[in-house]
Amino acid sequence: MNPHEDDEEDDFDPEDEDDFDEEDDEDDDLFGVTSDARTICHLCGGAGFIANPTAAVIGGVPRTVDNGRECPHCNGARKFPGLVPPL
């Protein structure tokens, strides 16, 4: 007896649209391919912000909270035009 005889037919259709809309994607070209050279910020690694740990009391318990702050090197731009060596 063949175990695959009773299986239902697969209704997968590669032409069906998925639930993800390309319009929902952010217009983030940080890692996209471009014809001009650019350098990702060396300090924040392209995140646009760096760690800024602060002491806080949450629920009566002292702890460190990291809200982050804008990168002082790239001012939140995350990249520089051209090739910028890390100095």
PDB file of N, CA and C in Angstrom:
ATOM      1  N   MET A   1       0.841  -1.176   0.000  1.00  0.00           N
ATOM      2  CA  MET A   1       0.000   0.000   0.000  1.00  0.00           C
ATOM      3  C   MET A   1       0.891   1.245   0.000  1.00  0.00           C
ATOM      4  N   ASN A   2       0.612   2.179  -0.855  1.00  0.00           N
ATOM      5  CA  ASN A   2       1.376   3.415  -0.970  1.00  0.00           C
ATOM      6  C   ASN A   2       0.825   4.439   0.036  1.00  0.00           C
ATOM      7  N   PRO A   3       1.663   4.956   0.937  1.00  0.00           N
ATOM      8  CA  PRO A   3       1.157   5.899   1.950  1.00  0.00           C
ATOM      9  C   PRO A   3       0.734   7.240   1.348  1.00  0.00           C
ATOM     10  N   HIS A   4       1.149   7.534   0.127  1.00  0.00           N
ATOM     11  CA  HIS A   4       0.819   8.825  -0.475  1.00  0.00           C
ATOM     12  C   HIS A   4      -0.476   8.795  -1.284  1.00  0.00           C
ATOM     13  N   GLU A   5      -1.131   7.658  -1.373  1.00  0.00           N
ATOM     14  CA  GLU A   5      -2.352   7.569  -2.172  1.00  0.00           C
ATOM     15  C   GLU A   5      -3.507   8.343  -1.551  1.00  0.00           C
ATOM     16  N   ASP A   6      -3.582   8.389  -0.228  1.00  0.00           N
ATOM     17  CA  ASP A   6      -4.705   9.025   0.444  1.00  0.00           C
ATOM     18  C   ASP A   6      -4.465  10.506   0.737  1.00  0.00           C
ATOM     19  N   ASP A   7      -3.284  11.023   0.414  1.00  0.00           N
ATOM     20  CA  ASP A   7      -2.994  12.432   0.682  1.00  0.00           C
ATOM     21  C   ASP A   7      -3.861  13.331  -0.188  1.00  0.00           C
ATOM     22  N   GLU A   8      -4.279  14.438   0.409  1.00  0.00           N
ATOM     23  CA  GLU A   8      -5.025  15.417  -0.371  1.00  0.00           C
ATOM     24  C   GLU A   8      -4.070  16.141  -1.306  1.00  0.00           C
ATOM     25  N   GLU A   9      -4.595  16.620  -2.395  1.00  0.00           N
ATOM     26  CA  GLU A   9      -3.765  17.328  -3.366  1.00  0.00           C
ATOM     27  C   GLU A   9      -3.335  18.667  -2.776  1.00  0.00           C
ATOM     28  N   ASP A  10      -2.082  19.017  -2.977  1.00  0.00           N
ATOM     29  CA  ASP A  10      -1.542  20.272  -2.475  1.00  0.00           C
ATOM     30  C   ASP A  10      -2.148  21.427  -3.264  1.00  0.00           C
ATOM     31  N   ASP A  11      -2.678  22.427  -2.566  1.00  0.00           N
ATOM     32  CA  ASP A  11      -3.310  23.556  -3.248  1.00  0.00           C
ATOM     33  C   ASP A  11      -2.385  24.766  -3.338  1.00  0.00           C
ATOM     34  N   PHE A  12      -1.082  24.557  -3.209  1.00  0.00           N
ATOM     35  CA  PHE A  12      -0.122  25.652  -3.309  1.00  0.00           C
ATOM     36  C   PHE A  12      -0.021  26.131  -4.747  1.00  0.00           C
ATOM     37  N   ASP A  13      -0.153  27.435  -4.919  1.00  0.00           N
ATOM     38  CA  ASP A  13      -0.018  28.045  -6.238  1.00  0.00           C
ATOM     39  C   ASP A  13       1.038  29.135  -6.140  1.00  0.00           C
ATOM     40  N   PRO A  14       2.176  28.971  -6.807  1.00  0.00           N
ATOM     41  CA  PRO A  14       3.230  29.978  -6.692  1.00  0.00           C
ATOM     42  C   PRO A  14       2.824  31.338  -7.255  1.00  0.00           C
ATOM     43  N   GLU A  15       1.760  31.402  -8.019  1.00  0.00           N
ATOM     44  CA  GLU A  15       1.298  32.667  -8.579  1.00  0.00           C
ATOM     45  C   GLU A  15       0.469  33.475  -7.582  1.00  0.00           C
ATOM     46  N   ASP A  16       0.022  32.826  -6.490  1.00  0.00           N
ATOM     47  CA  ASP A  16      -0.773  33.544  -5.493  1.00  0.00           C
ATOM     48  C   ASP A  16       0.066  34.637  -4.851  1.00  0.00           C
ATOM     49  N   GLU A  17      -0.584  35.774  -4.581  1.00  0.00           N
ATOM     50  CA  GLU A  17       0.120  36.867  -3.923  1.00  0.00           C
ATOM     51  C   GLU A  17       0.252  36.551  -2.441  1.00  0.00           C
ATOM     52  N   ASP A  18       1.368  36.962  -1.867  1.00  0.00           N
ATOM     53  CA  ASP A  18       1.557  36.738  -0.444  1.00  0.00           C
ATOM     54  C   ASP A  18       0.921  37.884   0.343  1.00  0.00           C
ATOM     55  N   ASP A  19       0.975  37.762   1.658  1.00  0.00           N
ATOM     56  CA  ASP A  19       0.359  38.769   2.517  1.00  0.00           C
ATOM     57  C   ASP A  19       1.247  39.980   2.727  1.00  0.00           C
ATOM     58  N   PHE A  20       2.431  39.981   2.168  1.00  0.00           N
ATOM     59  CA  PHE A  20       3.361  41.072   2.364  1.00  0.00           C
ATOM     60  C   PHE A  20       3.288  42.016   1.174  1.00  0.00           C
ATOM     61  N   ASP A  21       3.042  43.268   1.453  1.00  0.00           N
ATOM     62  CA  ASP A  21       3.013  44.274   0.399  1.00  0.00           C
ATOM     63  C   ASP A  21       4.368  44.948   0.332  1.00  0.00           C
ATOM     64  N   GLU A  22       4.867  45.126  -0.871  1.00  0.00           N
ATOM     65  CA  GLU A  22       6.144  45.809  -1.025  1.00  0.00           C
ATOM     66  C   GLU A  22       6.016  47.277  -0.659  1.00  0.00           C
ATOM     67  N   GLU A  23       4.796  47.809  -0.691  1.00  0.00           N
ATOM     68  CA  GLU A  23       4.587  49.202  -0.335  1.00  0.00           C
ATOM     69  C   GLU A  23       4.801  49.427   1.153  1.00  0.00           C
ATOM     70  N   ASP A  24       4.647  48.380   1.959  1.00  0.00           N
ATOM     71  CA  ASP A  24       4.818  48.513   3.395  1.00  0.00           C
ATOM     72  C   ASP A  24       6.282  48.617   3.794  1.00  0.00           C
ATOM     73  N   ASP A  25       7.188  48.224   2.917  1.00  0.00           N
ATOM     74  CA  ASP A  25       8.606  48.299   3.232  1.00  0.00           C
ATOM     75  C   ASP A  25       9.025  49.752   3.373  1.00  0.00           C
ATOM     76  N   GLU A  26       9.886  49.998   4.340  1.00  0.00           N
ATOM     77  CA  GLU A  26      10.407  51.345   4.502  1.00  0.00           C
ATOM     78  C   GLU A  26      11.323  51.661   3.332  1.00  0.00           C
ATOM     79  N   ASP A  27      11.402  52.922   2.989  1.00  0.00           N
ATOM     80  CA  ASP A  27      12.301  53.344   1.919  1.00  0.00           C
ATOM     81  C   ASP A  27      13.698  53.491   2.492  1.00  0.00           C
ATOM     82  N   ASP A  28      14.265  52.387   2.928  1.00  0.00           N
ATOM     83  CA  ASP A  28      15.572  52.378   3.560  1.00  0.00           C
ATOM     84  C   ASP A  28      16.591  51.875   2.556  1.00  0.00           C
ATOM     85  N   ASP A  29      17.452  52.764   2.116  1.00  0.00           N
ATOM     86  CA  ASP A  29      18.446  52.373   1.128  1.00  0.00           C
ATOM     87  C   ASP A  29      19.831  52.258   1.748  1.00  0.00           C
ATOM     88  N   LEU A  30      19.898  52.050   3.060  1.00  0.00           N
ATOM     89  CA  LEU A  30      21.189  51.976   3.733  1.00  0.00           C
ATOM     90  C   LEU A  30      22.037  50.841   3.187  1.00  0.00           C
ATOM     91  N   PHE A  31      21.446  49.676   2.991  1.00  0.00           N
ATOM     92  CA  PHE A  31      22.192  48.528   2.506  1.00  0.00           C
ATOM     93  C   PHE A  31      21.881  48.221   1.051  1.00  0.00           C
ATOM     94  N   GLY A  32      21.170  49.105   0.371  1.00  0.00           N
ATOM     95  CA  GLY A  32      20.858  48.916  -1.041  1.00  0.00           C
ATOM     96  C   GLY A  32      22.077  49.183  -1.913  1.00  0.00           C
ATOM     97  N   VAL A  33      22.018  48.716  -3.131  1.00  0.00           N
ATOM     98  CA  VAL A  33      23.118  48.900  -4.073  1.00  0.00           C
ATOM     99  C   VAL A  33      22.929  50.220  -4.805  1.00  0.00           C
ATOM    100  N   THR A  34      23.954  51.049  -4.793  1.00  0.00           N
ATOM    101  CA  THR A  34      23.910  52.322  -5.505  1.00  0.00           C
ATOM    102  C   THR A  34      25.153  52.465  -6.358  1.00  0.00           C
ATOM    103  N   SER A  35      25.114  53.408  -7.282  1.00  0.00           N
ATOM    104  CA  SER A  35      26.274  53.622  -8.149  1.00  0.00           C
ATOM    105  C   SER A  35      27.313  54.516  -7.486  1.00  0.00           C
ATOM    106  N   ASP A  36      26.922  55.285  -6.470  1.00  0.00           N
ATOM    107  CA  ASP A  36      27.881  56.153  -5.795  1.00  0.00           C
ATOM    108  C   ASP A  36      28.386  55.485  -4.519  1.00  0.00           C
ATOM    109  N   ALA A  37      29.601  55.830  -4.144  1.00  0.00           N
ATOM    110  CA  ALA A  37      30.209  55.237  -2.944  1.00  0.00           C
ATOM    111  C   ALA A  37      29.668  55.917  -1.694  1.00  0.00           C
ATOM    112  N   ARG A  38      29.509  55.142  -0.641  1.00  0.00           N
ATOM    113  CA  ARG A  38      29.095  55.686   0.647  1.00  0.00           C
ATOM    114  C   ARG A  38      29.668  54.809   1.751  1.00  0.00           C
ATOM    115  N   THR A  39      29.765  55.382   2.929  1.00  0.00           N
ATOM    116  CA  THR A  39      30.350  54.688   4.068  1.00  0.00           C
ATOM    117  C   THR A  39      29.348  54.663   5.210  1.00  0.00           C
ATOM    118  N   ILE A  40      29.126  53.500   5.783  1.00  0.00           N
ATOM    119  CA  ILE A  40      28.263  53.387   6.957  1.00  0.00           C
ATOM    120  C   ILE A  40      29.027  53.943   8.154  1.00  0.00           C
ATOM    121  N   CYS A  41      28.337  54.681   8.998  1.00  0.00           N
ATOM    122  CA  CYS A  41      28.961  55.322  10.156  1.00  0.00           C
ATOM    123  C   CYS A  41      29.708  54.286  11.000  1.00  0.00           C
ATOM    124  N   HIS A  42      30.942  54.620  11.363  1.00  0.00           N
ATOM    125  CA  HIS A  42      31.782  53.690  12.122  1.00  0.00           C
ATOM    126  C   HIS A  42      31.405  53.652  13.599  1.00  0.00           C
ATOM    127  N   LEU A  43      30.838  54.730  14.104  1.00  0.00           N
ATOM    128  CA  LEU A  43      30.521  54.786  15.530  1.00  0.00           C
ATOM    129  C   LEU A  43      29.235  54.025  15.862  1.00  0.00           C
ATOM    130  N   CYS A  44      28.181  54.267  15.104  1.00  0.00           N
ATOM    131  CA  CYS A  44      26.891  53.624  15.410  1.00  0.00           C
ATOM    132  C   CYS A  44      26.633  52.392  14.555  1.00  0.00           C
ATOM    133  N   GLY A  45      27.469  52.122  13.563  1.00  0.00           N
ATOM    134  CA  GLY A  45      27.291  50.950  12.711  1.00  0.00           C
ATOM    135  C   GLY A  45      26.075  51.041  11.813  1.00  0.00           C
ATOM    136  N   GLY A  46      25.630  52.255  11.531  1.00  0.00           N
ATOM    137  CA  GLY A  46      24.485  52.447  10.654  1.00  0.00           C
ATOM    138  C   GLY A  46      23.152  52.453  11.371  1.00  0.00           C
ATOM    139  N   ALA A  47      23.152  52.407  12.688  1.00  0.00           N
ATOM    140  CA  ALA A  47      21.893  52.408  13.439  1.00  0.00           C
ATOM    141  C   ALA A  47      21.328  53.816  13.601  1.00  0.00           C
ATOM    142  N   GLY A  48      22.198  54.830  13.600  1.00  0.00           N
ATOM    143  CA  GLY A  48      21.742  56.207  13.770  1.00  0.00           C
ATOM    144  C   GLY A  48      21.694  56.649  15.217  1.00  0.00           C
ATOM    145  N   PHE A  49      21.918  55.735  16.146  1.00  0.00           N
ATOM    146  CA  PHE A  49      21.934  56.085  17.564  1.00  0.00           C
ATOM    147  C   PHE A  49      22.947  55.205  18.282  1.00  0.00           C
ATOM    148  N   ILE A  50      23.387  55.661  19.454  1.00  0.00           N
ATOM    149  CA  ILE A  50      24.335  54.899  20.266  1.00  0.00           C
ATOM    150  C   ILE A  50      23.750  54.735  21.666  1.00  0.00           C
ATOM    151  N   ALA A  51      24.338  53.855  22.438  1.00  0.00           N
ATOM    152  CA  ALA A  51      23.849  53.579  23.789  1.00  0.00           C
ATOM    153  C   ALA A  51      24.032  54.794  24.688  1.00  0.00           C
ATOM    154  N   ASN A  52      23.064  55.001  25.545  1.00  0.00           N
ATOM    155  CA  ASN A  52      23.117  56.078  26.529  1.00  0.00           C
ATOM    156  C   ASN A  52      22.510  55.554  27.830  1.00  0.00           C
ATOM    157  N   PRO A  53      23.256  54.698  28.549  1.00  0.00           N
ATOM    158  CA  PRO A  53      22.698  54.123  29.769  1.00  0.00           C
ATOM    159  C   PRO A  53      22.501  55.175  30.859  1.00  0.00           C
ATOM    160  N   THR A  54      21.357  55.106  31.517  1.00  0.00           N
ATOM    161  CA  THR A  54      21.037  56.027  32.608  1.00  0.00           C
ATOM    162  C   THR A  54      20.487  55.226  33.782  1.00  0.00           C
ATOM    163  N   ALA A  55      20.741  55.722  34.973  1.00  0.00           N
ATOM    164  CA  ALA A  55      20.210  55.077  36.168  1.00  0.00           C
ATOM    165  C   ALA A  55      18.744  55.465  36.324  1.00  0.00           C
ATOM    166  N   ALA A  56      17.911  54.495  36.691  1.00  0.00           N
ATOM    167  CA  ALA A  56      16.484  54.747  36.866  1.00  0.00           C
ATOM    168  C   ALA A  56      15.945  53.826  37.947  1.00  0.00           C
ATOM    169  N   VAL A  57      14.803  54.206  38.495  1.00  0.00           N
ATOM    170  CA  VAL A  57      14.107  53.366  39.463  1.00  0.00           C
ATOM    171  C   VAL A  57      12.787  52.969  38.818  1.00  0.00           C
ATOM    172  N   ILE A  58      12.636  51.677  38.544  1.00  0.00           N
ATOM    173  CA  ILE A  58      11.433  51.169  37.896  1.00  0.00           C
ATOM    174  C   ILE A  58      10.790  50.155  38.821  1.00  0.00           C
ATOM    175  N   GLY A  59       9.579  50.433  39.238  1.00  0.00           N
ATOM    176  CA  GLY A  59       8.869  49.536  40.150  1.00  0.00           C
ATOM    177  C   GLY A  59       9.569  49.403  41.488  1.00  0.00           C
ATOM    178  N   GLY A  60      10.240  50.465  41.935  1.00  0.00           N
ATOM    179  CA  GLY A  60      10.937  50.444  43.210  1.00  0.00           C
ATOM    180  C   GLY A  60      12.280  49.740  43.169  1.00  0.00           C
ATOM    181  N   VAL A  61      12.715  49.346  41.971  1.00  0.00           N
ATOM    182  CA  VAL A  61      13.984  48.635  41.831  1.00  0.00           C
ATOM    183  C   VAL A  61      14.947  49.500  41.015  1.00  0.00           C
ATOM    184  N   PRO A  62      16.121  49.811  41.582  1.00  0.00           N
ATOM    185  CA  PRO A  62      17.088  50.587  40.802  1.00  0.00           C
ATOM    186  C   PRO A  62      17.703  49.727  39.700  1.00  0.00           C
ATOM    187  N   ARG A  63      17.815  50.305  38.531  1.00  0.00           N
ATOM    188  CA  ARG A  63      18.404  49.574  37.407  1.00  0.00           C
ATOM    189  C   ARG A  63      18.912  50.551  36.365  1.00  0.00           C
ATOM    190  N   THR A  64      19.602  50.038  35.381  1.00  0.00           N
ATOM    191  CA  THR A  64      20.112  50.848  34.290  1.00  0.00           C
ATOM    192  C   THR A  64      19.191  50.715  33.089  1.00  0.00           C
ATOM    193  N   VAL A  65      18.821  51.845  32.505  1.00  0.00           N
ATOM    194  CA  VAL A  65      17.945  51.871  31.341  1.00  0.00           C
ATOM    195  C   VAL A  65      18.724  52.481  30.184  1.00  0.00           C
ATOM    196  N   ASP A  66      18.606  51.888  29.013  1.00  0.00           N
ATOM    197  CA  ASP A  66      19.317  52.398  27.840  1.00  0.00           C
ATOM    198  C   ASP A  66      18.301  52.865  26.802  1.00  0.00           C
ATOM    199  N   ASN A  67      18.087  54.168  26.747  1.00  0.00           N
ATOM    200  CA  ASN A  67      17.158  54.728  25.771  1.00  0.00           C
ATOM    201  C   ASN A  67      17.844  55.042  24.453  1.00  0.00           C
ATOM    202  N   GLY A  68      19.137  55.158  24.456  1.00  0.00           N
ATOM    203  CA  GLY A  68      19.876  55.512  23.252  1.00  0.00           C
ATOM    204  C   GLY A  68      19.801  57.003  22.983  1.00  0.00           C
ATOM    205  N   ARG A  69      20.739  57.495  22.194  1.00  0.00           N
ATOM    206  CA  ARG A  69      20.744  58.901  21.792  1.00  0.00           C
ATOM    207  C   ARG A  69      21.284  58.993  20.380  1.00  0.00           C
ATOM    208  N   GLU A  70      21.040  60.101  19.737  1.00  0.00           N
ATOM    209  CA  GLU A  70      21.473  60.279  18.355  1.00  0.00           C
ATOM    210  C   GLU A  70      22.994  60.206  18.255  1.00  0.00           C
ATOM    211  N   CYS A  71      23.480  59.568  17.227  1.00  0.00           N
ATOM    212  CA  CYS A  71      24.921  59.413  17.032  1.00  0.00           C
ATOM    213  C   CYS A  71      25.556  60.782  16.783  1.00  0.00           C
ATOM    214  N   PRO A  72      26.566  61.155  17.575  1.00  0.00           N
ATOM    215  CA  PRO A  72      27.194  62.461  17.374  1.00  0.00           C
ATOM    216  C   PRO A  72      28.105  62.514  16.143  1.00  0.00           C
ATOM    217  N   HIS A  73      28.496  61.360  15.628  1.00  0.00           N
ATOM    218  CA  HIS A  73      29.401  61.333  14.477  1.00  0.00           C
ATOM    219  C   HIS A  73      28.657  61.574  13.164  1.00  0.00           C
ATOM    220  N   CYS A  74      27.526  60.913  12.972  1.00  0.00           N
ATOM    221  CA  CYS A  74      26.763  61.067  11.723  1.00  0.00           C
ATOM    222  C   CYS A  74      25.491  61.887  11.912  1.00  0.00           C
ATOM    223  N   ASN A  75      25.202  62.313  13.147  1.00  0.00           N
ATOM    224  CA  ASN A  75      23.994  63.087  13.473  1.00  0.00           C
ATOM    225  C   ASN A  75      22.720  62.375  13.043  1.00  0.00           C
ATOM    226  N   GLY A  76      22.690  61.061  13.159  1.00  0.00           N
ATOM    227  CA  GLY A  76      21.504  60.273  12.846  1.00  0.00           C
ATOM    228  C   GLY A  76      21.340  59.936  11.381  1.00  0.00           C
ATOM    229  N   ALA A  77      22.263  60.371  10.519  1.00  0.00           N
ATOM    230  CA  ALA A  77      22.144  60.110   9.077  1.00  0.00           C
ATOM    231  C   ALA A  77      22.514  58.675   8.720  1.00  0.00           C
ATOM    232  N   ARG A  78      23.260  57.978   9.565  1.00  0.00           N
ATOM    233  CA  ARG A  78      23.639  56.570   9.428  1.00  0.00           C
ATOM    234  C   ARG A  78      24.676  56.291   8.362  1.00  0.00           C
ATOM    235  N   LYS A  79      24.958  57.209   7.471  1.00  0.00           N
ATOM    236  CA  LYS A  79      25.957  56.970   6.423  1.00  0.00           C
ATOM    237  C   LYS A  79      26.563  58.291   5.984  1.00  0.00           C
ATOM    238  N   PHE A  80      27.710  58.189   5.337  1.00  0.00           N
ATOM    239  CA  PHE A  80      28.406  59.349   4.801  1.00  0.00           C
ATOM    240  C   PHE A  80      28.573  59.174   3.300  1.00  0.00           C
ATOM    241  N   PRO A  81      28.486  60.253   2.533  1.00  0.00           N
ATOM    242  CA  PRO A  81      28.750  60.127   1.094  1.00  0.00           C
ATOM    243  C   PRO A  81      30.241  59.902   0.856  1.00  0.00           C
ATOM    244  N   GLY A  82      30.571  59.067  -0.084  1.00  0.00           N
ATOM    245  CA  GLY A  82      31.967  58.793  -0.413  1.00  0.00           C
ATOM    246  C   GLY A  82      32.585  57.781   0.525  1.00  0.00           C
ATOM    247  N   LEU A  83      33.887  57.628   0.402  1.00  0.00           N
ATOM    248  CA  LEU A  83      34.626  56.686   1.244  1.00  0.00           C
ATOM    249  C   LEU A  83      35.288  57.448   2.373  1.00  0.00           C
ATOM    250  N   VAL A  84      34.926  57.125   3.601  1.00  0.00           N
ATOM    251  CA  VAL A  84      35.459  57.795   4.781  1.00  0.00           C
ATOM    252  C   VAL A  84      36.193  56.755   5.607  1.00  0.00           C
ATOM    253  N   PRO A  85      37.535  56.842   5.706  1.00  0.00           N
ATOM    254  CA  PRO A  85      38.271  55.851   6.499  1.00  0.00           C
ATOM    255  C   PRO A  85      38.028  56.072   7.992  1.00  0.00           C
ATOM    256  N   PRO A  86      38.012  54.998   8.784  1.00  0.00           N
ATOM    257  CA  PRO A  86      37.823  55.153  10.232  1.00  0.00           C
ATOM    258  C   PRO A  86      39.087  55.696  10.876  1.00  0.00           C
ATOM    259  N   LEU A  87      39.032  56.901  11.367  1.00  0.00           N
ATOM    260  CA  LEU A  87      40.193  57.522  12.010  1.00  0.00           C
ATOM    261  C   LEU A  87      39.958  57.707  13.478  1.00  0.00           C
TER     262      LEU A  87
END
